[in-house]
């Protein structure tokens, strides 16, 4: 039987080595490549076609969530297990929006990694047991005080940080028309009149801690 092939993408070499050791204890799993950032990962995928990518959220050059969106666009058959230290609900929401197949906390990796791989290999989704409270909150939907969708929150954050519509389109791999539509929806949903209103709203909701430069 051909092995189930995996690519590791994390900017910490020692962590990649540890994950590789866990994986390769199983004779039917094989690590076929490693990348230290999102752009390196996309370049690697031009040369190899793994079954699964284990992908960190916090990487240089191209963040893990952005890389996940691009991978799902270019290689929809490739599965993605997001591996991160971030427990916040917003990261889970963004990962789900990026259509990842699993979300594993690094602190769970030593005990749950093989279970996560097995679930995804069986076309199931996997979430860290430690995320049960966040997933329960997510199942309840968005807070009435914050009616924006996950993508609208992303756009609002980037607008508040001073990004142009074209820059946001490039970052999120969407069209500039879509960015403008999201902006209009945001302004209408929360009754904003100006960009200054949007910045204040983004700060109040905790999307960003910085005012645009």
C-alpha atoms as a PDB file:
ATOM      1  CA  UNK A   1       0.000   0.000   0.000  1.00  0.00           C
ATOM      2  CA  UNK A   2       1.271   3.464  -0.871  1.00  0.00           C
ATOM      3  CA  UNK A   3       1.932   5.654   2.188  1.00  0.00           C
ATOM      4  CA  UNK A   4      -0.273   8.580   3.157  1.00  0.00           C
ATOM      5  CA  UNK A   5       1.914  11.578   2.332  1.00  0.00           C
ATOM      6  CA  UNK A   6       2.244  14.674   4.497  1.00  0.00           C
ATOM      7  CA  UNK A   7       3.936  18.074   4.200  1.00  0.00           C
ATOM      8  CA  UNK A   8       4.889  20.024   7.343  1.00  0.00           C
ATOM      9  CA  UNK A   9       4.753  23.833   7.324  1.00  0.00           C
ATOM     10  CA  UNK A  10       5.985  25.591  10.465  1.00  0.00           C
ATOM     11  CA  UNK A  11       8.686  28.221  10.952  1.00  0.00           C
ATOM     12  CA  UNK A  12      10.141  26.392  13.983  1.00  0.00           C
ATOM     13  CA  UNK A  13      12.563  23.711  12.783  1.00  0.00           C
ATOM     14  CA  UNK A  14      12.711  21.851  16.092  1.00  0.00           C
ATOM     15  CA  UNK A  15       8.920  21.642  16.251  1.00  0.00           C
ATOM     16  CA  UNK A  16       8.787  20.285  12.668  1.00  0.00           C
ATOM     17  CA  UNK A  17      11.383  17.683  13.599  1.00  0.00           C
ATOM     18  CA  UNK A  18       9.339  16.604  16.617  1.00  0.00           C
ATOM     19  CA  UNK A  19       6.140  16.290  14.566  1.00  0.00           C
ATOM     20  CA  UNK A  20       8.027  14.375  11.901  1.00  0.00           C
ATOM     21  CA  UNK A  21       9.287  11.874  14.464  1.00  0.00           C
ATOM     22  CA  UNK A  22       5.739  11.254  15.732  1.00  0.00           C
ATOM     23  CA  UNK A  23       4.390  10.797  12.203  1.00  0.00           C
ATOM     24  CA  UNK A  24       7.122   8.535  10.909  1.00  0.00           C
ATOM     25  CA  UNK A  25       6.656   6.106  13.796  1.00  0.00           C
ATOM     26  CA  UNK A  26       3.696   4.945  11.699  1.00  0.00           C
ATOM     27  CA  UNK A  27       4.835   2.887   8.673  1.00  0.00           C
ATOM     28  CA  UNK A  28       1.906   3.970   6.486  1.00  0.00           C
ATOM     29  CA  UNK A  29       2.624   7.701   6.891  1.00  0.00           C
ATOM     30  CA  UNK A  30       5.417   9.572   5.129  1.00  0.00           C
ATOM     31  CA  UNK A  31       6.596  13.186   5.371  1.00  0.00           C
ATOM     32  CA  UNK A  32       7.462  14.230   1.812  1.00  0.00           C
ATOM     33  CA  UNK A  33       8.425  17.850   2.404  1.00  0.00           C
ATOM     34  CA  UNK A  34       8.870  20.686   4.892  1.00  0.00           C
ATOM     35  CA  UNK A  35       8.436  24.448   4.599  1.00  0.00           C
ATOM     36  CA  UNK A  36       9.325  27.291   6.944  1.00  0.00           C
ATOM     37  CA  UNK A  37       6.863  29.879   5.613  1.00  0.00           C
ATOM     38  CA  UNK A  38       3.742  30.176   3.486  1.00  0.00           C
ATOM     39  CA  UNK A  39       5.453  31.194   0.253  1.00  0.00           C
ATOM     40  CA  UNK A  40       7.951  28.339   0.565  1.00  0.00           C
ATOM     41  CA  UNK A  41       5.010  25.997   1.084  1.00  0.00           C
ATOM     42  CA  UNK A  42       3.229  27.154  -2.085  1.00  0.00           C
ATOM     43  CA  UNK A  43       6.457  26.689  -4.029  1.00  0.00           C
ATOM     44  CA  UNK A  44       6.877  23.193  -2.559  1.00  0.00           C
ATOM     45  CA  UNK A  45       3.358  22.221  -3.643  1.00  0.00           C
ATOM     46  CA  UNK A  46       4.335  22.865  -7.259  1.00  0.00           C
ATOM     47  CA  UNK A  47       6.746  19.936  -6.927  1.00  0.00           C
ATOM     48  CA  UNK A  48       4.888  17.501  -4.697  1.00  0.00           C
ATOM     49  CA  UNK A  49       1.238  16.587  -4.173  1.00  0.00           C
ATOM     50  CA  UNK A  50       0.697  15.431  -0.578  1.00  0.00           C
ATOM     51  CA  UNK A  51      -2.500  14.027   0.839  1.00  0.00           C
ATOM     52  CA  UNK A  52      -2.265  16.313   3.894  1.00  0.00           C
ATOM     53  CA  UNK A  53      -0.556  19.538   4.942  1.00  0.00           C
ATOM     54  CA  UNK A  54       0.043  20.203   8.640  1.00  0.00           C
ATOM     55  CA  UNK A  55       0.092  23.981   8.656  1.00  0.00           C
ATOM     56  CA  UNK A  56       0.943  26.476  11.400  1.00  0.00           C
ATOM     57  CA  UNK A  57      -1.100  29.689  11.593  1.00  0.00           C
ATOM     58  CA  UNK A  58       1.765  32.019  12.568  1.00  0.00           C
ATOM     59  CA  UNK A  59       4.354  31.961   9.797  1.00  0.00           C
ATOM     60  CA  UNK A  60       6.351  34.690   8.040  1.00  0.00           C
ATOM     61  CA  UNK A  61       5.804  35.954   4.480  1.00  0.00           C
ATOM     62  CA  UNK A  62       2.372  34.359   4.065  1.00  0.00           C
ATOM     63  CA  UNK A  63       0.339  33.537   7.158  1.00  0.00           C
ATOM     64  CA  UNK A  64      -1.047  30.053   7.612  1.00  0.00           C
ATOM     65  CA  UNK A  65      -4.677  31.093   7.161  1.00  0.00           C
ATOM     66  CA  UNK A  66      -3.873  32.966   3.964  1.00  0.00           C
ATOM     67  CA  UNK A  67      -1.842  30.010   2.724  1.00  0.00           C
ATOM     68  CA  UNK A  68      -4.741  27.677   3.565  1.00  0.00           C
ATOM     69  CA  UNK A  69      -7.160  29.728   1.460  1.00  0.00           C
ATOM     70  CA  UNK A  70      -4.776  29.730  -1.483  1.00  0.00           C
ATOM     71  CA  UNK A  71      -4.071  25.997  -1.183  1.00  0.00           C
ATOM     72  CA  UNK A  72      -7.786  25.176  -1.125  1.00  0.00           C
ATOM     73  CA  UNK A  73      -8.219  27.323  -4.247  1.00  0.00           C
ATOM     74  CA  UNK A  74      -5.321  25.764  -6.158  1.00  0.00           C
ATOM     75  CA  UNK A  75      -5.357  22.220  -4.753  1.00  0.00           C
ATOM     76  CA  UNK A  76      -8.868  21.521  -3.406  1.00  0.00           C
ATOM     77  CA  UNK A  77      -8.124  17.811  -3.009  1.00  0.00           C
ATOM     78  CA  UNK A  78      -5.334  18.451  -0.480  1.00  0.00           C
ATOM     79  CA  UNK A  79      -6.377  18.202   3.172  1.00  0.00           C
ATOM     80  CA  UNK A  80      -5.193  20.772   5.720  1.00  0.00           C
ATOM     81  CA  UNK A  81      -4.672  20.321   9.452  1.00  0.00           C
ATOM     82  CA  UNK A  82      -4.163  23.718  11.069  1.00  0.00           C
ATOM     83  CA  UNK A  83      -1.701  23.424  13.934  1.00  0.00           C
ATOM     84  CA  UNK A  84      -1.414  26.382  16.295  1.00  0.00           C
ATOM     85  CA  UNK A  85      -0.939  27.679  19.806  1.00  0.00           C
ATOM     86  CA  UNK A  86      -3.885  30.095  19.373  1.00  0.00           C
ATOM     87  CA  UNK A  87      -7.064  29.116  21.242  1.00  0.00           C
ATOM     88  CA  UNK A  88      -9.201  32.157  20.422  1.00  0.00           C
ATOM     89  CA  UNK A  89     -12.601  31.710  18.821  1.00  0.00           C
ATOM     90  CA  UNK A  90     -11.667  34.126  16.045  1.00  0.00           C
ATOM     91  CA  UNK A  91      -8.888  31.786  14.886  1.00  0.00           C
ATOM     92  CA  UNK A  92     -11.283  28.824  14.822  1.00  0.00           C
ATOM     93  CA  UNK A  93     -13.799  30.882  12.850  1.00  0.00           C
ATOM     94  CA  UNK A  94     -11.188  31.977  10.342  1.00  0.00           C
ATOM     95  CA  UNK A  95      -9.882  28.426   9.950  1.00  0.00           C
ATOM     96  CA  UNK A  96     -13.401  27.130   9.280  1.00  0.00           C
ATOM     97  CA  UNK A  97     -13.926  29.937   6.768  1.00  0.00           C
ATOM     98  CA  UNK A  98     -10.668  28.891   5.074  1.00  0.00           C
ATOM     99  CA  UNK A  99     -12.129  25.359   4.757  1.00  0.00           C
ATOM    100  CA  UNK A 100      -9.404  23.584   6.722  1.00  0.00           C
ATOM    101  CA  UNK A 101     -10.074  19.959   7.634  1.00  0.00           C
ATOM    102  CA  UNK A 102      -8.813  20.079  11.192  1.00  0.00           C
ATOM    103  CA  UNK A 103      -7.680  22.478  13.928  1.00  0.00           C
ATOM    104  CA  UNK A 104      -5.162  21.109  16.433  1.00  0.00           C
ATOM    105  CA  UNK A 105      -3.615  23.017  19.315  1.00  0.00           C
ATOM    106  CA  UNK A 106       0.132  22.516  19.662  1.00  0.00           C
ATOM    107  CA  UNK A 107      -0.277  21.625  23.323  1.00  0.00           C
ATOM    108  CA  UNK A 108      -2.491  18.723  22.190  1.00  0.00           C
ATOM    109  CA  UNK A 109      -0.122  17.568  19.450  1.00  0.00           C
ATOM    110  CA  UNK A 110       1.740  14.920  21.440  1.00  0.00           C
ATOM    111  CA  UNK A 111      -1.477  13.073  22.356  1.00  0.00           C
ATOM    112  CA  UNK A 112      -3.907  14.009  19.556  1.00  0.00           C
ATOM    113  CA  UNK A 113      -1.828  14.343  16.374  1.00  0.00           C
ATOM    114  CA  UNK A 114      -2.243  10.766  15.174  1.00  0.00           C
ATOM    115  CA  UNK A 115      -5.964  10.836  15.964  1.00  0.00           C
ATOM    116  CA  UNK A 116      -6.306  14.076  13.976  1.00  0.00           C
ATOM    117  CA  UNK A 117      -4.496  12.580  10.979  1.00  0.00           C
ATOM    118  CA  UNK A 118      -6.626   9.424  11.136  1.00  0.00           C
ATOM    119  CA  UNK A 119      -9.855  11.442  11.269  1.00  0.00           C
ATOM    120  CA  UNK A 120      -8.906  13.642   8.318  1.00  0.00           C
ATOM    121  CA  UNK A 121      -7.686  10.617   6.368  1.00  0.00           C
ATOM    122  CA  UNK A 122     -11.171   9.176   6.910  1.00  0.00           C
ATOM    123  CA  UNK A 123     -12.754  12.365   5.461  1.00  0.00           C
ATOM    124  CA  UNK A 124     -13.812  13.583   8.912  1.00  0.00           C
ATOM    125  CA  UNK A 125     -13.086  16.960  10.494  1.00  0.00           C
ATOM    126  CA  UNK A 126     -11.048  17.165  13.677  1.00  0.00           C
ATOM    127  CA  UNK A 127     -10.861  19.838  16.399  1.00  0.00           C
ATOM    128  CA  UNK A 128      -8.719  19.779  19.525  1.00  0.00           C
ATOM    129  CA  UNK A 129     -10.590  18.599  22.630  1.00  0.00           C
ATOM    130  CA  UNK A 130      -9.391  21.758  24.404  1.00  0.00           C
ATOM    131  CA  UNK A 131     -11.495  23.810  21.968  1.00  0.00           C
ATOM    132  CA  UNK A 132     -14.816  22.394  23.144  1.00  0.00           C
ATOM    133  CA  UNK A 133     -15.881  25.648  24.834  1.00  0.00           C
ATOM    134  CA  UNK A 134     -15.018  27.765  21.791  1.00  0.00           C
ATOM    135  CA  UNK A 135     -16.841  25.369  19.478  1.00  0.00           C
ATOM    136  CA  UNK A 136     -19.892  25.572  21.716  1.00  0.00           C
ATOM    137  CA  UNK A 137     -19.786  29.363  21.452  1.00  0.00           C
ATOM    138  CA  UNK A 138     -19.419  29.099  17.684  1.00  0.00           C
ATOM    139  CA  UNK A 139     -22.457  26.814  17.459  1.00  0.00           C
ATOM    140  CA  UNK A 140     -24.501  29.542  19.131  1.00  0.00           C
ATOM    141  CA  UNK A 141     -23.688  31.950  16.315  1.00  0.00           C
ATOM    142  CA  UNK A 142     -22.424  35.520  16.351  1.00  0.00           C
ATOM    143  CA  UNK A 143     -22.985  37.891  19.234  1.00  0.00           C
ATOM    144  CA  UNK A 144     -25.967  40.228  18.703  1.00  0.00           C
ATOM    145  CA  UNK A 145     -23.575  43.133  19.369  1.00  0.00           C
ATOM    146  CA  UNK A 146     -21.346  42.036  16.477  1.00  0.00           C
ATOM    147  CA  UNK A 147     -23.372  40.954  13.436  1.00  0.00           C
ATOM    148  CA  UNK A 148     -20.455  40.720  11.013  1.00  0.00           C
ATOM    149  CA  UNK A 149     -19.457  37.493   9.317  1.00  0.00           C
ATOM    150  CA  UNK A 150     -15.926  36.111   9.688  1.00  0.00           C
ATOM    151  CA  UNK A 151     -14.893  37.493   6.282  1.00  0.00           C
ATOM    152  CA  UNK A 152     -16.458  40.886   7.034  1.00  0.00           C
ATOM    153  CA  UNK A 153     -14.454  41.011  10.273  1.00  0.00           C
ATOM    154  CA  UNK A 154     -11.276  40.290   8.303  1.00  0.00           C
ATOM    155  CA  UNK A 155     -12.068  43.094   5.864  1.00  0.00           C
ATOM    156  CA  UNK A 156     -13.014  45.492   8.684  1.00  0.00           C
ATOM    157  CA  UNK A 157      -9.725  44.750  10.484  1.00  0.00           C
ATOM    158  CA  UNK A 158      -7.650  45.385   7.366  1.00  0.00           C
ATOM    159  CA  UNK A 159      -9.566  48.555   6.481  1.00  0.00           C
ATOM    160  CA  UNK A 160      -9.085  49.825  10.038  1.00  0.00           C
ATOM    161  CA  UNK A 161      -5.360  49.157   9.710  1.00  0.00           C
ATOM    162  CA  UNK A 162      -5.241  51.437   6.672  1.00  0.00           C
ATOM    163  CA  UNK A 163      -5.094  48.850   3.901  1.00  0.00           C
ATOM    164  CA  UNK A 164      -6.497  49.828   0.501  1.00  0.00           C
ATOM    165  CA  UNK A 165      -9.192  47.789  -1.227  1.00  0.00           C
ATOM    166  CA  UNK A 166      -6.592  46.428  -3.666  1.00  0.00           C
ATOM    167  CA  UNK A 167      -4.210  45.448  -0.852  1.00  0.00           C
ATOM    168  CA  UNK A 168      -7.050  43.640   0.943  1.00  0.00           C
ATOM    169  CA  UNK A 169      -8.032  41.854  -2.254  1.00  0.00           C
ATOM    170  CA  UNK A 170      -4.438  40.648  -2.658  1.00  0.00           C
ATOM    171  CA  UNK A 171      -4.146  39.534   0.986  1.00  0.00           C
ATOM    172  CA  UNK A 172      -7.460  37.637   1.039  1.00  0.00           C
ATOM    173  CA  UNK A 173      -7.281  36.298  -2.534  1.00  0.00           C
ATOM    174  CA  UNK A 174     -10.598  37.893  -3.482  1.00  0.00           C
ATOM    175  CA  UNK A 175     -11.571  40.488  -6.088  1.00  0.00           C
ATOM    176  CA  UNK A 176     -11.556  44.214  -5.395  1.00  0.00           C
ATOM    177  CA  UNK A 177     -15.283  44.191  -6.217  1.00  0.00           C
ATOM    178  CA  UNK A 178     -15.827  41.670  -3.406  1.00  0.00           C
ATOM    179  CA  UNK A 179     -13.836  43.836  -0.985  1.00  0.00           C
ATOM    180  CA  UNK A 180     -16.009  46.843  -1.843  1.00  0.00           C
ATOM    181  CA  UNK A 181     -19.174  44.771  -1.406  1.00  0.00           C
ATOM    182  CA  UNK A 182     -17.981  43.574   2.031  1.00  0.00           C
ATOM    183  CA  UNK A 183     -17.163  47.165   2.995  1.00  0.00           C
ATOM    184  CA  UNK A 184     -20.647  48.320   2.000  1.00  0.00           C
ATOM    185  CA  UNK A 185     -22.218  45.464   3.971  1.00  0.00           C
ATOM    186  CA  UNK A 186     -20.127  46.313   7.038  1.00  0.00           C
ATOM    187  CA  UNK A 187     -21.075  49.982   6.926  1.00  0.00           C
ATOM    188  CA  UNK A 188     -24.761  49.136   6.538  1.00  0.00           C
ATOM    189  CA  UNK A 189     -24.908  46.377   9.183  1.00  0.00           C
ATOM    190  CA  UNK A 190     -23.425  48.460  11.978  1.00  0.00           C
ATOM    191  CA  UNK A 191     -24.606  51.871  10.742  1.00  0.00           C
ATOM    192  CA  UNK A 192     -21.204  53.404  10.066  1.00  0.00           C
ATOM    193  CA  UNK A 193     -20.839  56.638   8.096  1.00  0.00           C
ATOM    194  CA  UNK A 194     -17.098  57.019   7.582  1.00  0.00           C
ATOM    195  CA  UNK A 195     -13.762  55.244   7.723  1.00  0.00           C
ATOM    196  CA  UNK A 196     -13.131  56.877  11.103  1.00  0.00           C
ATOM    197  CA  UNK A 197     -16.333  55.247  12.363  1.00  0.00           C
ATOM    198  CA  UNK A 198     -15.082  51.912  11.027  1.00  0.00           C
ATOM    199  CA  UNK A 199     -11.715  52.287  12.809  1.00  0.00           C
ATOM    200  CA  UNK A 200     -13.465  53.045  16.100  1.00  0.00           C
ATOM    201  CA  UNK A 201     -15.775  50.065  15.633  1.00  0.00           C
ATOM    202  CA  UNK A 202     -12.868  47.703  14.841  1.00  0.00           C
ATOM    203  CA  UNK A 203     -10.991  48.875  17.942  1.00  0.00           C
ATOM    204  CA  UNK A 204     -14.078  48.525  20.143  1.00  0.00           C
ATOM    205  CA  UNK A 205     -14.697  44.973  18.912  1.00  0.00           C
ATOM    206  CA  UNK A 206     -11.045  43.975  19.387  1.00  0.00           C
ATOM    207  CA  UNK A 207     -10.340  43.299  15.702  1.00  0.00           C
ATOM    208  CA  UNK A 208      -7.212  45.424  15.855  1.00  0.00           C
ATOM    209  CA  UNK A 209      -5.223  47.271  18.478  1.00  0.00           C
ATOM    210  CA  UNK A 210      -3.647  49.731  16.077  1.00  0.00           C
ATOM    211  CA  UNK A 211      -4.884  52.836  14.334  1.00  0.00           C
ATOM    212  CA  UNK A 212      -3.895  53.248  10.671  1.00  0.00           C
ATOM    213  CA  UNK A 213      -0.600  54.950   9.946  1.00  0.00           C
END
